[in-house]
Amino acid sequence: MSSFYNIARAKGGKADNAIERGFMVKINELKIGGEISVRIDRHAPWAGRDDVYISSDKICFLDRNDHTFSPAPVKAAVRVLYKLGFRGYFNIRVSGNVVTLQVLQASNKNKNISQRLQAHYCMSLDYMDDILLWRQALANPVPLFKTTKHDPLTAIFDDKGFNLSSDAEKIYEKVKSKPHIYTARLESGNYLYFGISNQRGGRWKRAHAYHLCTLAYEILGTTRYDGQNHKHWVEAWFDMNSFKQYHSDSMYQIRMKQFVVISFYMPEFPVSRSDLKKAESRLITLAKSKGFTVLNLM
């Protein structure tokens, strides 16, 4: 089972209508954050609480490995919050016929909410369990490199470096100047590189000391003394015997051993460089514990 609740497949229960009526009466309180309570139509010996994270495409029960053990009214409250457009972090409690909702950090499609979290409950990457952090960091992979039209496994580059694929470029434009984590690896999931950035423009630039450029330098044998070591990336991802000039003296091609993909994860809450570094270290440890080869040099 999973701590993730598939909202797309979720079906309403007996408590949904009552909770929605109660939330709509107190919608202004919800929008400014805080705590509200509503009553459902029937009394039962329910008792429980959950901290949940609601995003645009998923819901995670943060303290459970199996969301099916969450009380039914809690999941009803989650469905209603999602339906009303609320996203973020919430504490939901149920006792008898009373459902209590505490907004920890949230946004609404009609009105943004910025809520200072209570000191004892500061949402951060540290709070995420290993399963959630791993899934977020490797979610929504897209091809990393621009390739030839006739062979999607053959990447093309020039003296200034590789280019991102069109799919990667679209995502990167949105996250590149914001704090984020990126995970590049083979499609099989092995030979991973975990990286972080909180600098303007990110790390995937066609410029000296950035990945797209340094990878090309390594293949071309033009690496500078102050460049990063990407030799082990090339050995893991590319077939050097396939390297050749492409169309002209300034264009080259090389075949990947498998599709090389990348995921970008931009936290929806404030994070510092220190937060990102700790998350990066956790991900490296997790990958090694799963038997994967990690390309980070530590």
C-alpha atoms as a PDB file:
ATOM      1  CA  MET A   1       0.000   0.000   0.000  1.00  0.00           C
ATOM      2  CA  SER A   2       1.020   3.649  -0.118  1.00  0.00           C
ATOM      3  CA  SER A   3       0.868   6.930   1.735  1.00  0.00           C
ATOM      4  CA  PHE A   4      -0.280   8.445  -1.591  1.00  0.00           C
ATOM      5  CA  TYR A   5      -4.005   8.823  -2.208  1.00  0.00           C
ATOM      6  CA  ASN A   6      -5.053   8.783  -5.863  1.00  0.00           C
ATOM      7  CA  ILE A   7      -7.520  11.677  -5.981  1.00  0.00           C
ATOM      8  CA  ALA A   8      -8.334  10.940  -9.624  1.00  0.00           C
ATOM      9  CA  ARG A   9      -9.811   7.581  -8.626  1.00  0.00           C
ATOM     10  CA  ALA A  10     -11.347   8.733  -5.351  1.00  0.00           C
ATOM     11  CA  LYS A  11     -15.091   8.333  -4.857  1.00  0.00           C
ATOM     12  CA  GLY A  12     -17.159  10.454  -2.521  1.00  0.00           C
ATOM     13  CA  GLY A  13     -18.430   8.991   0.728  1.00  0.00           C
ATOM     14  CA  LYS A  14     -21.363   9.646   3.059  1.00  0.00           C
ATOM     15  CA  ALA A  15     -19.546  12.469   4.867  1.00  0.00           C
ATOM     16  CA  ASP A  16     -18.520  14.496   1.806  1.00  0.00           C
ATOM     17  CA  ASN A  17     -21.706  16.537   1.436  1.00  0.00           C
ATOM     18  CA  ALA A  18     -21.895  17.449   5.116  1.00  0.00           C
ATOM     19  CA  ILE A  19     -18.238  18.453   5.218  1.00  0.00           C
ATOM     20  CA  GLU A  20     -18.578  20.513   2.043  1.00  0.00           C
ATOM     21  CA  ARG A  21     -21.591  22.363   3.487  1.00  0.00           C
ATOM     22  CA  GLY A  22     -19.673  23.069   6.662  1.00  0.00           C
ATOM     23  CA  PHE A  23     -16.552  24.229   4.827  1.00  0.00           C
ATOM     24  CA  MET A  24     -18.558  26.518   2.542  1.00  0.00           C
ATOM     25  CA  VAL A  25     -20.127  28.237   5.562  1.00  0.00           C
ATOM     26  CA  LYS A  26     -16.637  28.863   6.925  1.00  0.00           C
ATOM     27  CA  ILE A  27     -14.873  29.403   3.587  1.00  0.00           C
ATOM     28  CA  ASN A  28     -13.525  32.820   4.583  1.00  0.00           C
ATOM     29  CA  GLU A  29     -11.904  31.327   7.667  1.00  0.00           C
ATOM     30  CA  LEU A  30     -10.322  28.681   5.461  1.00  0.00           C
ATOM     31  CA  LYS A  31      -8.958  31.313   3.081  1.00  0.00           C
ATOM     32  CA  ILE A  32      -7.179  33.241   5.813  1.00  0.00           C
ATOM     33  CA  GLY A  33      -5.896  30.090   7.480  1.00  0.00           C
ATOM     34  CA  GLY A  34      -6.571  28.834  10.953  1.00  0.00           C
ATOM     35  CA  GLU A  35      -8.679  26.109  12.491  1.00  0.00           C
ATOM     36  CA  ILE A  36     -12.335  25.233  11.920  1.00  0.00           C
ATOM     37  CA  SER A  37     -14.667  22.435  12.995  1.00  0.00           C
ATOM     38  CA  VAL A  38     -17.704  21.010  11.232  1.00  0.00           C
ATOM     39  CA  ARG A  39     -20.225  18.331  12.128  1.00  0.00           C
ATOM     40  CA  ILE A  40     -21.107  15.403   9.917  1.00  0.00           C
ATOM     41  CA  ASP A  41     -24.490  13.727   9.702  1.00  0.00           C
ATOM     42  CA  ARG A  42     -23.891  10.665  11.798  1.00  0.00           C
ATOM     43  CA  HIS A  43     -22.140   9.879  15.048  1.00  0.00           C
ATOM     44  CA  ALA A  44     -19.686   7.010  15.204  1.00  0.00           C
ATOM     45  CA  PRO A  45     -16.717   6.066  17.404  1.00  0.00           C
ATOM     46  CA  TRP A  46     -14.219   7.516  14.925  1.00  0.00           C
ATOM     47  CA  ALA A  47     -11.053   8.991  16.299  1.00  0.00           C
ATOM     48  CA  GLY A  48      -7.893   9.861  14.457  1.00  0.00           C
ATOM     49  CA  ARG A  49      -5.725  12.535  12.948  1.00  0.00           C
ATOM     50  CA  ASP A  50      -3.620  12.974   9.825  1.00  0.00           C
ATOM     51  CA  ASP A  51      -1.205  15.524   8.455  1.00  0.00           C
ATOM     52  CA  VAL A  52      -1.775  15.654   4.721  1.00  0.00           C
ATOM     53  CA  TYR A  53      -0.128  17.363   1.770  1.00  0.00           C
ATOM     54  CA  ILE A  54      -2.443  18.242  -1.128  1.00  0.00           C
ATOM     55  CA  SER A  55      -0.805  19.225  -4.413  1.00  0.00           C
ATOM     56  CA  SER A  56      -2.177  19.720  -7.909  1.00  0.00           C
ATOM     57  CA  ASP A  57      -1.847  16.039  -8.818  1.00  0.00           C
ATOM     58  CA  LYS A  58      -1.422  14.027  -5.641  1.00  0.00           C
ATOM     59  CA  ILE A  59      -2.275  13.736  -1.966  1.00  0.00           C
ATOM     60  CA  CYS A  60       0.142  12.333   0.581  1.00  0.00           C
ATOM     61  CA  PHE A  61      -0.668  11.222   4.091  1.00  0.00           C
ATOM     62  CA  LEU A  62       2.578  12.314   5.707  1.00  0.00           C
ATOM     63  CA  ASP A  63       2.516  10.126   8.818  1.00  0.00           C
ATOM     64  CA  ARG A  64       1.211   6.922   7.265  1.00  0.00           C
ATOM     65  CA  ASN A  65       2.683   4.233   5.055  1.00  0.00           C
ATOM     66  CA  ASP A  66      -0.859   3.112   4.183  1.00  0.00           C
ATOM     67  CA  HIS A  67      -3.571   5.754   3.717  1.00  0.00           C
ATOM     68  CA  THR A  68      -6.348   3.138   3.886  1.00  0.00           C
ATOM     69  CA  PHE A  69      -6.075   3.194   7.680  1.00  0.00           C
ATOM     70  CA  SER A  70      -7.021   6.871   7.790  1.00  0.00           C
ATOM     71  CA  PRO A  71     -10.553   7.495   9.156  1.00  0.00           C
ATOM     72  CA  ALA A  72     -13.117   7.858   6.366  1.00  0.00           C
ATOM     73  CA  PRO A  73     -14.145  11.425   7.388  1.00  0.00           C
ATOM     74  CA  VAL A  74     -10.503  12.534   7.131  1.00  0.00           C
ATOM     75  CA  LYS A  75     -10.349  11.374   3.528  1.00  0.00           C
ATOM     76  CA  ALA A  76     -13.723  12.996   2.908  1.00  0.00           C
ATOM     77  CA  ALA A  77     -12.293  16.306   4.160  1.00  0.00           C
ATOM     78  CA  VAL A  78      -9.304  15.834   1.836  1.00  0.00           C
ATOM     79  CA  ARG A  79     -11.592  15.279  -1.149  1.00  0.00           C
ATOM     80  CA  VAL A  80     -13.596  18.403  -0.322  1.00  0.00           C
ATOM     81  CA  LEU A  81     -10.486  20.550   0.126  1.00  0.00           C
ATOM     82  CA  TYR A  82      -9.193  19.357  -3.228  1.00  0.00           C
ATOM     83  CA  LYS A  83     -12.562  20.023  -4.895  1.00  0.00           C
ATOM     84  CA  LEU A  84     -12.614  23.576  -3.480  1.00  0.00           C
ATOM     85  CA  GLY A  85      -9.162  24.255  -4.916  1.00  0.00           C
ATOM     86  CA  PHE A  86      -7.106  24.230  -1.716  1.00  0.00           C
ATOM     87  CA  ARG A  87      -3.514  23.013  -1.940  1.00  0.00           C
ATOM     88  CA  GLY A  88      -0.861  22.752   0.764  1.00  0.00           C
ATOM     89  CA  TYR A  89      -0.429  21.233   4.219  1.00  0.00           C
ATOM     90  CA  PHE A  90      -3.287  20.500   6.598  1.00  0.00           C
ATOM     91  CA  ASN A  91      -3.924  18.728   9.882  1.00  0.00           C
ATOM     92  CA  ILE A  92      -7.294  16.960   9.915  1.00  0.00           C
ATOM     93  CA  ARG A  93      -8.743  15.409  13.053  1.00  0.00           C
ATOM     94  CA  VAL A  94     -11.966  13.503  13.639  1.00  0.00           C
ATOM     95  CA  SER A  95     -13.698  12.545  16.868  1.00  0.00           C
ATOM     96  CA  GLY A  96     -17.259  11.266  16.896  1.00  0.00           C
ATOM     97  CA  ASN A  97     -19.172  13.416  14.424  1.00  0.00           C
ATOM     98  CA  VAL A  98     -16.817  16.409  14.563  1.00  0.00           C
ATOM     99  CA  VAL A  99     -14.155  17.011  11.915  1.00  0.00           C
ATOM    100  CA  THR A 100     -11.531  19.633  12.772  1.00  0.00           C
ATOM    101  CA  LEU A 101      -9.268  21.147  10.146  1.00  0.00           C
ATOM    102  CA  GLN A 102      -6.122  23.137  10.909  1.00  0.00           C
ATOM    103  CA  VAL A 103      -4.485  24.987   8.027  1.00  0.00           C
ATOM    104  CA  LEU A 104      -0.705  24.634   8.317  1.00  0.00           C
ATOM    105  CA  GLN A 105       0.286  26.152   5.001  1.00  0.00           C
ATOM    106  CA  ALA A 106      -2.057  26.540   2.077  1.00  0.00           C
ATOM    107  CA  SER A 107      -3.049  28.267  -1.134  1.00  0.00           C
ATOM    108  CA  ASN A 108      -6.404  28.525  -2.859  1.00  0.00           C
ATOM    109  CA  LYS A 109      -6.980  28.949  -6.597  1.00  0.00           C
ATOM    110  CA  ASN A 110      -9.032  32.077  -5.887  1.00  0.00           C
ATOM    111  CA  LYS A 111      -6.920  33.595  -3.135  1.00  0.00           C
ATOM    112  CA  ASN A 112      -3.349  32.991  -2.018  1.00  0.00           C
ATOM    113  CA  ILE A 113      -2.717  32.336   1.628  1.00  0.00           C
ATOM    114  CA  SER A 114       0.623  32.718   3.337  1.00  0.00           C
ATOM    115  CA  GLN A 115       0.547  31.275   6.826  1.00  0.00           C
ATOM    116  CA  ARG A 116       3.435  31.230   9.258  1.00  0.00           C
ATOM    117  CA  LEU A 117       3.731  27.701  10.513  1.00  0.00           C
ATOM    118  CA  GLN A 118       3.690  27.005  14.194  1.00  0.00           C
ATOM    119  CA  ALA A 119       7.164  26.621  15.676  1.00  0.00           C
ATOM    120  CA  HIS A 120       6.590  22.970  16.541  1.00  0.00           C
ATOM    121  CA  TYR A 121       5.461  22.139  13.011  1.00  0.00           C
ATOM    122  CA  CYS A 122       7.770  23.744  10.472  1.00  0.00           C
ATOM    123  CA  MET A 123       7.210  22.269   7.018  1.00  0.00           C
ATOM    124  CA  SER A 124      10.535  21.573   5.359  1.00  0.00           C
ATOM    125  CA  LEU A 125      12.395  19.002   3.319  1.00  0.00           C
ATOM    126  CA  ASP A 126      13.606  17.579   6.629  1.00  0.00           C
ATOM    127  CA  TYR A 127      10.011  16.745   7.522  1.00  0.00           C
ATOM    128  CA  MET A 128       9.478  14.628   4.406  1.00  0.00           C
ATOM    129  CA  ASP A 129       9.996  10.944   4.968  1.00  0.00           C
ATOM    130  CA  ASP A 130      12.413   9.090   2.688  1.00  0.00           C
ATOM    131  CA  ILE A 131       9.652   7.619   0.523  1.00  0.00           C
ATOM    132  CA  LEU A 132       8.105  11.000  -0.247  1.00  0.00           C
ATOM    133  CA  LEU A 133      11.442  12.743  -0.856  1.00  0.00           C
ATOM    134  CA  TRP A 134      12.565   9.974  -3.229  1.00  0.00           C
ATOM    135  CA  ARG A 135       9.314  10.029  -5.184  1.00  0.00           C
ATOM    136  CA  GLN A 136       9.289  13.806  -5.486  1.00  0.00           C
ATOM    137  CA  ALA A 137      12.915  13.925  -6.646  1.00  0.00           C
ATOM    138  CA  LEU A 138      12.379  11.284  -9.363  1.00  0.00           C
ATOM    139  CA  ALA A 139       8.881  12.283 -10.466  1.00  0.00           C
ATOM    140  CA  ASN A 140       7.924  13.247 -14.022  1.00  0.00           C
ATOM    141  CA  PRO A 141      11.143  12.292 -15.854  1.00  0.00           C
ATOM    142  CA  VAL A 142      11.741  13.732 -19.332  1.00  0.00           C
ATOM    143  CA  PRO A 143      14.542  13.147 -21.881  1.00  0.00           C
ATOM    144  CA  LEU A 144      17.589  15.200 -20.924  1.00  0.00           C
ATOM    145  CA  PHE A 145      19.354  15.820 -24.246  1.00  0.00           C
ATOM    146  CA  LYS A 146      18.381  17.092 -27.662  1.00  0.00           C
ATOM    147  CA  THR A 147      18.850  14.253 -30.164  1.00  0.00           C
ATOM    148  CA  THR A 148      18.895  13.608 -33.902  1.00  0.00           C
ATOM    149  CA  LYS A 149      15.529  13.411 -35.661  1.00  0.00           C
ATOM    150  CA  HIS A 150      16.046   9.833 -36.760  1.00  0.00           C
ATOM    151  CA  ASP A 151      17.521   8.312 -33.602  1.00  0.00           C
ATOM    152  CA  PRO A 152      16.239   9.421 -30.183  1.00  0.00           C
ATOM    153  CA  LEU A 153      19.191   7.664 -28.538  1.00  0.00           C
ATOM    154  CA  THR A 154      21.778   9.788 -30.362  1.00  0.00           C
ATOM    155  CA  ALA A 155      22.500  13.101 -28.640  1.00  0.00           C
ATOM    156  CA  ILE A 156      23.908  16.033 -30.607  1.00  0.00           C
ATOM    157  CA  PHE A 157      26.160  18.817 -29.331  1.00  0.00           C
ATOM    158  CA  ASP A 158      28.729  21.382 -30.418  1.00  0.00           C
ATOM    159  CA  ASP A 159      31.855  23.004 -29.013  1.00  0.00           C
ATOM    160  CA  LYS A 160      29.733  24.982 -26.533  1.00  0.00           C
ATOM    161  CA  GLY A 161      27.904  21.978 -25.142  1.00  0.00           C
ATOM    162  CA  PHE A 162      24.760  19.885 -25.300  1.00  0.00           C
ATOM    163  CA  ASN A 163      21.225  21.250 -25.543  1.00  0.00           C
ATOM    164  CA  LEU A 164      18.301  20.251 -23.375  1.00  0.00           C
ATOM    165  CA  SER A 165      15.488  18.342 -25.038  1.00  0.00           C
ATOM    166  CA  SER A 166      12.383  20.405 -25.778  1.00  0.00           C
ATOM    167  CA  ASP A 167      10.507  18.715 -22.908  1.00  0.00           C
ATOM    168  CA  ALA A 168      13.319  19.358 -20.448  1.00  0.00           C
ATOM    169  CA  GLU A 169      13.668  22.950 -21.665  1.00  0.00           C
ATOM    170  CA  LYS A 170       9.987  23.702 -20.990  1.00  0.00           C
ATOM    171  CA  ILE A 171      10.230  22.498 -17.405  1.00  0.00           C
ATOM    172  CA  TYR A 172      13.637  24.035 -16.819  1.00  0.00           C
ATOM    173  CA  GLU A 173      12.449  27.492 -17.886  1.00  0.00           C
ATOM    174  CA  LYS A 174       9.950  27.405 -15.024  1.00  0.00           C
ATOM    175  CA  VAL A 175      12.300  26.203 -12.279  1.00  0.00           C
ATOM    176  CA  LYS A 176      15.813  27.286 -13.252  1.00  0.00           C
ATOM    177  CA  SER A 177      15.956  30.458 -11.161  1.00  0.00           C
ATOM    178  CA  LYS A 178      14.141  28.994  -8.163  1.00  0.00           C
ATOM    179  CA  PRO A 179      15.485  26.611  -5.502  1.00  0.00           C
ATOM    180  CA  HIS A 180      15.194  23.094  -6.858  1.00  0.00           C
ATOM    181  CA  ILE A 181      16.576  19.558  -6.894  1.00  0.00           C
ATOM    182  CA  TYR A 182      17.366  17.732 -10.125  1.00  0.00           C
ATOM    183  CA  THR A 183      17.978  14.039 -10.699  1.00  0.00           C
ATOM    184  CA  ALA A 184      19.612  12.910 -13.959  1.00  0.00           C
ATOM    185  CA  ARG A 185      19.960   9.190 -14.654  1.00  0.00           C
ATOM    186  CA  LEU A 186      19.520   6.397 -17.146  1.00  0.00           C
ATOM    187  CA  GLU A 187      15.940   5.440 -17.943  1.00  0.00           C
ATOM    188  CA  SER A 188      16.463   2.212 -15.991  1.00  0.00           C
ATOM    189  CA  GLY A 189      16.941   4.345 -12.883  1.00  0.00           C
ATOM    190  CA  ASN A 190      20.653   3.624 -12.433  1.00  0.00           C
ATOM    191  CA  TYR A 191      23.720   5.881 -12.643  1.00  0.00           C
ATOM    192  CA  LEU A 192      22.052   8.800 -10.934  1.00  0.00           C
ATOM    193  CA  TYR A 193      23.328  12.300 -10.348  1.00  0.00           C
ATOM    194  CA  PHE A 194      21.555  14.379  -7.724  1.00  0.00           C
ATOM    195  CA  GLY A 195      22.078  18.103  -7.904  1.00  0.00           C
ATOM    196  CA  ILE A 196      20.686  21.263  -6.362  1.00  0.00           C
ATOM    197  CA  SER A 197      20.479  24.889  -7.346  1.00  0.00           C
ATOM    198  CA  ASN A 198      19.312  28.111  -5.761  1.00  0.00           C
ATOM    199  CA  GLN A 199      21.122  30.383  -8.207  1.00  0.00           C
ATOM    200  CA  ARG A 200      19.681  32.352 -11.081  1.00  0.00           C
ATOM    201  CA  GLY A 201      19.679  30.293 -14.264  1.00  0.00           C
ATOM    202  CA  GLY A 202      20.378  26.988 -12.545  1.00  0.00           C
ATOM    203  CA  ARG A 203      23.114  24.485 -13.392  1.00  0.00           C
ATOM    204  CA  TRP A 204      22.075  23.277 -16.857  1.00  0.00           C
ATOM    205  CA  LYS A 205      23.617  26.063 -18.922  1.00  0.00           C
ATOM    206  CA  ARG A 206      25.691  26.024 -22.104  1.00  0.00           C
ATOM    207  CA  ALA A 207      28.523  27.784 -20.333  1.00  0.00           C
ATOM    208  CA  HIS A 208      31.855  26.894 -18.755  1.00  0.00           C
ATOM    209  CA  ALA A 209      31.604  25.026 -15.433  1.00  0.00           C
ATOM    210  CA  TYR A 210      27.971  24.069 -16.077  1.00  0.00           C
ATOM    211  CA  HIS A 211      26.809  20.559 -16.915  1.00  0.00           C
ATOM    212  CA  LEU A 212      25.839  20.883 -20.581  1.00  0.00           C
ATOM    213  CA  CYS A 213      29.174  22.443 -21.418  1.00  0.00           C
ATOM    214  CA  THR A 214      31.388  20.319 -19.169  1.00  0.00           C
ATOM    215  CA  LEU A 215      29.963  17.069 -20.550  1.00  0.00           C
ATOM    216  CA  ALA A 216      30.863  18.152 -24.088  1.00  0.00           C
ATOM    217  CA  TYR A 217      34.352  19.223 -23.004  1.00  0.00           C
ATOM    218  CA  GLU A 218      34.893  15.756 -21.498  1.00  0.00           C
ATOM    219  CA  ILE A 219      33.967  14.000 -24.755  1.00  0.00           C
ATOM    220  CA  LEU A 220      35.946  16.421 -26.926  1.00  0.00           C
ATOM    221  CA  GLY A 221      39.006  16.305 -24.670  1.00  0.00           C
ATOM    222  CA  THR A 222      38.932  20.069 -24.085  1.00  0.00           C
ATOM    223  CA  THR A 223      38.295  20.040 -20.347  1.00  0.00           C
ATOM    224  CA  ARG A 224      39.844  22.999 -18.565  1.00  0.00           C
ATOM    225  CA  TYR A 225      41.846  22.730 -15.363  1.00  0.00           C
ATOM    226  CA  ASP A 226      39.073  24.409 -13.367  1.00  0.00           C
ATOM    227  CA  GLY A 227      36.193  22.361 -14.824  1.00  0.00           C
ATOM    228  CA  GLN A 228      34.133  19.782 -12.969  1.00  0.00           C
ATOM    229  CA  ASN A 229      34.927  16.104 -13.430  1.00  0.00           C
ATOM    230  CA  HIS A 230      32.262  14.615 -15.689  1.00  0.00           C
ATOM    231  CA  LYS A 231      34.322  11.693 -16.999  1.00  0.00           C
ATOM    232  CA  HIS A 232      32.359   9.168 -14.964  1.00  0.00           C
ATOM    233  CA  TRP A 233      29.087  10.642 -16.314  1.00  0.00           C
ATOM    234  CA  VAL A 234      30.283  10.076 -19.875  1.00  0.00           C
ATOM    235  CA  GLU A 235      31.416   6.527 -19.117  1.00  0.00           C
ATOM    236  CA  ALA A 236      28.084   5.688 -17.471  1.00  0.00           C
ATOM    237  CA  TRP A 237      25.751   7.284 -20.015  1.00  0.00           C
ATOM    238  CA  PHE A 238      27.465   7.217 -23.435  1.00  0.00           C
ATOM    239  CA  ASP A 239      29.090   4.821 -25.879  1.00  0.00           C
ATOM    240  CA  MET A 240      32.346   6.591 -26.728  1.00  0.00           C
ATOM    241  CA  ASN A 241      32.840   4.353 -29.788  1.00  0.00           C
ATOM    242  CA  SER A 242      29.810   6.057 -31.357  1.00  0.00           C
ATOM    243  CA  PHE A 243      31.227   9.586 -31.055  1.00  0.00           C
ATOM    244  CA  LYS A 244      31.687  11.323 -34.399  1.00  0.00           C
ATOM    245  CA  GLN A 245      31.277  14.609 -36.221  1.00  0.00           C
ATOM    246  CA  TYR A 246      27.755  15.433 -37.319  1.00  0.00           C
ATOM    247  CA  HIS A 247      27.089  17.388 -40.535  1.00  0.00           C
ATOM    248  CA  SER A 248      29.921  19.864 -39.978  1.00  0.00           C
ATOM    249  CA  ASP A 249      33.167  20.306 -38.090  1.00  0.00           C
ATOM    250  CA  SER A 250      31.391  22.128 -35.279  1.00  0.00           C
ATOM    251  CA  MET A 251      28.626  19.580 -34.665  1.00  0.00           C
ATOM    252  CA  TYR A 252      29.018  16.166 -33.042  1.00  0.00           C
ATOM    253  CA  GLN A 253      26.882  13.196 -32.081  1.00  0.00           C
ATOM    254  CA  ILE A 254      27.175  10.413 -29.541  1.00  0.00           C
ATOM    255  CA  ARG A 255      24.884   7.521 -28.725  1.00  0.00           C
ATOM    256  CA  MET A 256      23.479   7.044 -25.242  1.00  0.00           C
ATOM    257  CA  LYS A 257      23.593   3.559 -23.702  1.00  0.00           C
ATOM    258  CA  GLN A 258      19.967   4.126 -22.667  1.00  0.00           C
ATOM    259  CA  PHE A 259      17.712   7.172 -22.643  1.00  0.00           C
ATOM    260  CA  VAL A 260      19.133   9.683 -20.185  1.00  0.00           C
ATOM    261  CA  VAL A 261      16.284  11.348 -18.321  1.00  0.00           C
ATOM    262  CA  ILE A 262      15.993  14.119 -15.770  1.00  0.00           C
ATOM    263  CA  SER A 263      13.483  15.140 -13.103  1.00  0.00           C
ATOM    264  CA  PHE A 264      13.204  18.589 -11.561  1.00  0.00           C
ATOM    265  CA  TYR A 265      11.638  19.047  -8.129  1.00  0.00           C
ATOM    266  CA  MET A 266      10.879  22.565  -6.938  1.00  0.00           C
ATOM    267  CA  PRO A 267       9.515  22.537  -3.353  1.00  0.00           C
ATOM    268  CA  GLU A 268       6.309  24.503  -2.906  1.00  0.00           C
ATOM    269  CA  PHE A 269       7.546  25.924   0.416  1.00  0.00           C
ATOM    270  CA  PRO A 270      10.585  28.114   1.187  1.00  0.00           C
ATOM    271  CA  VAL A 271      13.917  26.276   1.288  1.00  0.00           C
ATOM    272  CA  SER A 272      17.491  27.406   1.845  1.00  0.00           C
ATOM    273  CA  ARG A 273      20.657  26.111   0.220  1.00  0.00           C
ATOM    274  CA  SER A 274      21.376  24.242   3.441  1.00  0.00           C
ATOM    275  CA  ASP A 275      17.966  22.534   3.210  1.00  0.00           C
ATOM    276  CA  LEU A 276      18.693  21.505  -0.373  1.00  0.00           C
ATOM    277  CA  LYS A 277      22.155  20.176   0.500  1.00  0.00           C
ATOM    278  CA  LYS A 278      20.762  18.002   3.275  1.00  0.00           C
ATOM    279  CA  ALA A 279      18.077  16.644   0.933  1.00  0.00           C
ATOM    280  CA  GLU A 280      20.723  15.930  -1.716  1.00  0.00           C
ATOM    281  CA  SER A 281      22.789  13.985   0.817  1.00  0.00           C
ATOM    282  CA  ARG A 282      19.730  11.977   1.882  1.00  0.00           C
ATOM    283  CA  LEU A 283      18.932  11.104  -1.722  1.00  0.00           C
ATOM    284  CA  ILE A 284      22.481   9.911  -2.354  1.00  0.00           C
ATOM    285  CA  THR A 285      22.315   7.692   0.716  1.00  0.00           C
ATOM    286  CA  LEU A 286      18.905   6.358  -0.325  1.00  0.00           C
ATOM    287  CA  ALA A 287      20.108   5.539  -3.847  1.00  0.00           C
ATOM    288  CA  LYS A 288      23.107   3.642  -2.529  1.00  0.00           C
ATOM    289  CA  SER A 289      20.918   1.709  -0.093  1.00  0.00           C
ATOM    290  CA  LYS A 290      18.782   0.639  -3.063  1.00  0.00           C
ATOM    291  CA  GLY A 291      21.874  -0.695  -4.866  1.00  0.00           C
ATOM    292  CA  PHE A 292      22.144   2.074  -7.481  1.00  0.00           C
ATOM    293  CA  THR A 293      25.387   3.617  -8.692  1.00  0.00           C
ATOM    294  CA  VAL A 294      25.550   7.318  -7.817  1.00  0.00           C
ATOM    295  CA  LEU A 295      27.630   9.681  -9.943  1.00  0.00           C
ATOM    296  CA  ASN A 296      28.078  12.314  -7.251  1.00  0.00           C
ATOM    297  CA  LEU A 297      31.680  12.506  -6.089  1.00  0.00           C
ATOM    298  CA  MET A 298      31.707  12.775  -2.302  1.00  0.00           C
END
